Amino acid sequence: MNPTTDAPFTPAPQARIRAVTPMSLCDWPGRTCAVLYLGGCNLRCPTCHNASLAFTPTRHDVLDTSAVLAGLSVRRNWLDGVSVCGGEPTLDPGLPALVRALRALGLPVKVDTNGMLPDVARTLLE
């Protein structure tokens, strides 16, 4: 139960992280970052660089979010941030919780989005 409202506690959904690049020098110009990949997309661009993740995300296992965060925590002193991309990350209901968890580690977060869901993107700025 949530002690402030007496309502049942509902945990935030976890993001469906499908892949991780532990260190990238090109995904965030001027920064050394890790890259987290979420699956699915609301567009079908013929030149998509992550077509497998975007169009058939279930072909990729969902990684344990806690394990991914633990790995980032260990390396956070060597990273300048984390880039979250996809597919289209704003389709994942767990994205806001993931961004909060990354920020709690002290890591700046960049989300690569196609911009089709501006309300979701706006909530990430709060």
C-alpha atoms as a PDB file:
ATOM      1  CA  MET A   1       0.000   0.000   0.000  1.00  0.00           C
ATOM      2  CA  ASN A   2       1.066   3.545  -0.654  1.00  0.00           C
ATOM      3  CA  PRO A   3       1.246   5.114   2.840  1.00  0.00           C
ATOM      4  CA  THR A   4       0.203   8.563   1.623  1.00  0.00           C
ATOM      5  CA  THR A   5      -2.935   7.513  -0.258  1.00  0.00           C
ATOM      6  CA  ASP A   6      -3.875   4.043   1.056  1.00  0.00           C
ATOM      7  CA  ALA A   7      -3.943   2.974  -2.587  1.00  0.00           C
ATOM      8  CA  PRO A   8      -2.198  -0.192  -3.727  1.00  0.00           C
ATOM      9  CA  PHE A   9       1.361   0.517  -4.820  1.00  0.00           C
ATOM     10  CA  THR A  10       1.877  -0.031  -8.528  1.00  0.00           C
ATOM     11  CA  PRO A  11       5.517  -0.071  -9.577  1.00  0.00           C
ATOM     12  CA  ALA A  12       6.477   1.824 -12.699  1.00  0.00           C
ATOM     13  CA  PRO A  13       6.813  -0.396 -15.750  1.00  0.00           C
ATOM     14  CA  GLN A  14      10.355  -1.373 -16.603  1.00  0.00           C
ATOM     15  CA  ALA A  15      11.749  -0.350 -19.950  1.00  0.00           C
ATOM     16  CA  ARG A  16      12.266  -3.205 -22.369  1.00  0.00           C
ATOM     17  CA  ILE A  17      15.989  -2.801 -22.982  1.00  0.00           C
ATOM     18  CA  ARG A  18      16.870  -5.021 -25.937  1.00  0.00           C
ATOM     19  CA  ALA A  19      20.586  -4.265 -26.329  1.00  0.00           C
ATOM     20  CA  VAL A  20      23.442  -2.286 -24.799  1.00  0.00           C
ATOM     21  CA  THR A  21      26.586  -0.749 -26.217  1.00  0.00           C
ATOM     22  CA  PRO A  22      28.786  -0.315 -23.126  1.00  0.00           C
ATOM     23  CA  MET A  23      30.785   2.554 -24.610  1.00  0.00           C
ATOM     24  CA  SER A  24      30.350   4.674 -27.704  1.00  0.00           C
ATOM     25  CA  LEU A  25      32.388   7.594 -28.941  1.00  0.00           C
ATOM     26  CA  CYS A  26      29.970   8.562 -31.720  1.00  0.00           C
ATOM     27  CA  ASP A  27      26.409   8.399 -30.360  1.00  0.00           C
ATOM     28  CA  TRP A  28      26.647  11.635 -28.367  1.00  0.00           C
ATOM     29  CA  PRO A  29      29.036  14.093 -30.010  1.00  0.00           C
ATOM     30  CA  GLY A  30      31.786  15.157 -27.640  1.00  0.00           C
ATOM     31  CA  ARG A  31      30.858  12.579 -24.998  1.00  0.00           C
ATOM     32  CA  THR A  32      31.752   9.042 -24.113  1.00  0.00           C
ATOM     33  CA  CYS A  33      28.438   7.327 -23.533  1.00  0.00           C
ATOM     34  CA  ALA A  34      26.742   4.003 -23.145  1.00  0.00           C
ATOM     35  CA  VAL A  35      23.845   3.291 -25.492  1.00  0.00           C
ATOM     36  CA  LEU A  36      20.642   1.510 -24.481  1.00  0.00           C
ATOM     37  CA  TYR A  37      18.385   0.227 -27.249  1.00  0.00           C
ATOM     38  CA  LEU A  38      14.622  -0.127 -26.820  1.00  0.00           C
ATOM     39  CA  GLY A  39      12.533  -1.914 -29.439  1.00  0.00           C
ATOM     40  CA  GLY A  40       9.618  -1.010 -31.655  1.00  0.00           C
ATOM     41  CA  CYS A  41       8.858   1.965 -33.858  1.00  0.00           C
ATOM     42  CA  ASN A  42       5.823   3.826 -35.136  1.00  0.00           C
ATOM     43  CA  LEU A  43       7.478   4.562 -38.494  1.00  0.00           C
ATOM     44  CA  ARG A  44       8.812   2.280 -41.213  1.00  0.00           C
ATOM     45  CA  CYS A  45      11.753   4.217 -42.622  1.00  0.00           C
ATOM     46  CA  PRO A  46      13.400   2.237 -45.431  1.00  0.00           C
ATOM     47  CA  THR A  47      16.852   3.414 -44.340  1.00  0.00           C
ATOM     48  CA  CYS A  48      16.466   2.584 -40.634  1.00  0.00           C
ATOM     49  CA  HIS A  49      19.841   1.783 -39.067  1.00  0.00           C
ATOM     50  CA  ASN A  50      18.215  -0.460 -36.432  1.00  0.00           C
ATOM     51  CA  ALA A  51      15.524  -2.133 -38.520  1.00  0.00           C
ATOM     52  CA  SER A  52      15.641  -5.389 -36.571  1.00  0.00           C
ATOM     53  CA  LEU A  53      15.046  -3.604 -33.256  1.00  0.00           C
ATOM     54  CA  ALA A  54      12.510  -1.229 -34.766  1.00  0.00           C
ATOM     55  CA  PHE A  55      10.406  -3.638 -36.805  1.00  0.00           C
ATOM     56  CA  THR A  56      10.825  -7.006 -35.038  1.00  0.00           C
ATOM     57  CA  PRO A  57      11.813  -6.205 -31.449  1.00  0.00           C
ATOM     58  CA  THR A  58      10.612  -9.530 -30.070  1.00  0.00           C
ATOM     59  CA  ARG A  59      13.492 -11.222 -31.889  1.00  0.00           C
ATOM     60  CA  HIS A  60      15.705  -9.629 -29.239  1.00  0.00           C
ATOM     61  CA  ASP A  61      15.548 -10.725 -25.618  1.00  0.00           C
ATOM     62  CA  VAL A  62      14.591  -8.180 -22.980  1.00  0.00           C
ATOM     63  CA  LEU A  63      17.579  -7.541 -20.742  1.00  0.00           C
ATOM     64  CA  ASP A  64      17.343  -7.327 -16.972  1.00  0.00           C
ATOM     65  CA  THR A  65      17.026  -3.604 -16.251  1.00  0.00           C
ATOM     66  CA  SER A  66      18.558  -3.976 -12.789  1.00  0.00           C
ATOM     67  CA  ALA A  67      21.614  -5.702 -14.238  1.00  0.00           C
ATOM     68  CA  VAL A  68      21.992  -3.023 -16.925  1.00  0.00           C
ATOM     69  CA  LEU A  69      21.751  -0.258 -14.314  1.00  0.00           C
ATOM     70  CA  ALA A  70      24.256  -2.058 -12.082  1.00  0.00           C
ATOM     71  CA  GLY A  71      26.711  -2.271 -14.979  1.00  0.00           C
ATOM     72  CA  LEU A  72      26.281   1.415 -15.730  1.00  0.00           C
ATOM     73  CA  SER A  73      26.747   2.276 -12.077  1.00  0.00           C
ATOM     74  CA  VAL A  74      30.109   0.514 -12.040  1.00  0.00           C
ATOM     75  CA  ARG A  75      31.230   2.452 -15.142  1.00  0.00           C
ATOM     76  CA  ARG A  76      29.593   5.806 -14.412  1.00  0.00           C
ATOM     77  CA  ASN A  77      32.893   7.525 -13.609  1.00  0.00           C
ATOM     78  CA  TRP A  78      34.117   6.711 -17.129  1.00  0.00           C
ATOM     79  CA  LEU A  79      30.943   7.742 -18.927  1.00  0.00           C
ATOM     80  CA  ASP A  80      29.771  11.230 -19.809  1.00  0.00           C
ATOM     81  CA  GLY A  81      26.190  10.044 -20.214  1.00  0.00           C
ATOM     82  CA  VAL A  82      23.771   7.482 -21.595  1.00  0.00           C
ATOM     83  CA  SER A  83      22.016   7.618 -24.945  1.00  0.00           C
ATOM     84  CA  VAL A  84      18.661   5.843 -25.185  1.00  0.00           C
ATOM     85  CA  CYS A  85      17.508   4.981 -28.678  1.00  0.00           C
ATOM     86  CA  GLY A  86      15.650   2.299 -30.562  1.00  0.00           C
ATOM     87  CA  GLY A  87      13.577   1.807 -32.558  1.00  0.00           C
ATOM     88  CA  GLU A  88      11.538   4.570 -31.031  1.00  0.00           C
ATOM     89  CA  PRO A  89      12.115   4.754 -27.263  1.00  0.00           C
ATOM     90  CA  THR A  90       9.087   6.947 -26.526  1.00  0.00           C
ATOM     91  CA  LEU A  91       6.825   3.980 -27.356  1.00  0.00           C
ATOM     92  CA  ASP A  92       8.125   2.094 -24.313  1.00  0.00           C
ATOM     93  CA  PRO A  93       5.963   2.785 -21.235  1.00  0.00           C
ATOM     94  CA  GLY A  94       9.001   2.200 -19.022  1.00  0.00           C
ATOM     95  CA  LEU A  95      11.066   4.996 -20.584  1.00  0.00           C
ATOM     96  CA  PRO A  96      10.283   7.672 -17.949  1.00  0.00           C
ATOM     97  CA  ALA A  97      11.263   5.334 -15.104  1.00  0.00           C
ATOM     98  CA  LEU A  98      14.438   4.356 -16.954  1.00  0.00           C
ATOM     99  CA  VAL A  99      15.422   7.992 -17.470  1.00  0.00           C
ATOM    100  CA  ARG A 100      14.818   8.707 -13.765  1.00  0.00           C
ATOM    101  CA  ALA A 101      16.950   5.707 -12.773  1.00  0.00           C
ATOM    102  CA  LEU A 102      19.788   6.811 -15.063  1.00  0.00           C
ATOM    103  CA  ARG A 103      19.664  10.341 -13.682  1.00  0.00           C
ATOM    104  CA  ALA A 104      19.707   8.921 -10.149  1.00  0.00           C
ATOM    105  CA  LEU A 105      23.062   7.351 -11.058  1.00  0.00           C
ATOM    106  CA  GLY A 106      24.299  10.853 -11.835  1.00  0.00           C
ATOM    107  CA  LEU A 107      24.409  10.229 -15.576  1.00  0.00           C
ATOM    108  CA  PRO A 108      23.143  12.748 -18.124  1.00  0.00           C
ATOM    109  CA  VAL A 109      20.636  11.178 -20.511  1.00  0.00           C
ATOM    110  CA  LYS A 110      20.029  11.789 -24.207  1.00  0.00           C
ATOM    111  CA  VAL A 111      16.984  10.236 -25.861  1.00  0.00           C
ATOM    112  CA  ASP A 112      17.058   9.797 -29.637  1.00  0.00           C
ATOM    113  CA  THR A 113      13.476  10.069 -30.846  1.00  0.00           C
ATOM    114  CA  ASN A 114      11.664  10.602 -34.121  1.00  0.00           C
ATOM    115  CA  GLY A 115       9.596  13.276 -32.368  1.00  0.00           C
ATOM    116  CA  MET A 116       6.209  11.779 -33.240  1.00  0.00           C
ATOM    117  CA  LEU A 117       5.177  11.616 -29.561  1.00  0.00           C
ATOM    118  CA  PRO A 118       6.058  15.088 -28.250  1.00  0.00           C
ATOM    119  CA  ASP A 119       3.953  14.707 -25.090  1.00  0.00           C
ATOM    120  CA  VAL A 120       6.031  11.710 -24.013  1.00  0.00           C
ATOM    121  CA  ALA A 121       9.258  13.527 -24.838  1.00  0.00           C
ATOM    122  CA  ARG A 122       8.060  16.550 -22.867  1.00  0.00           C
ATOM    123  CA  THR A 123       7.521  14.449 -19.720  1.00  0.00           C
ATOM    124  CA  LEU A 124      11.167  13.390 -19.863  1.00  0.00           C
ATOM    125  CA  LEU A 125      12.236  17.004 -19.433  1.00  0.00           C
ATOM    126  CA  GLU A 126      10.422  17.379 -16.115  1.00  0.00           C
END
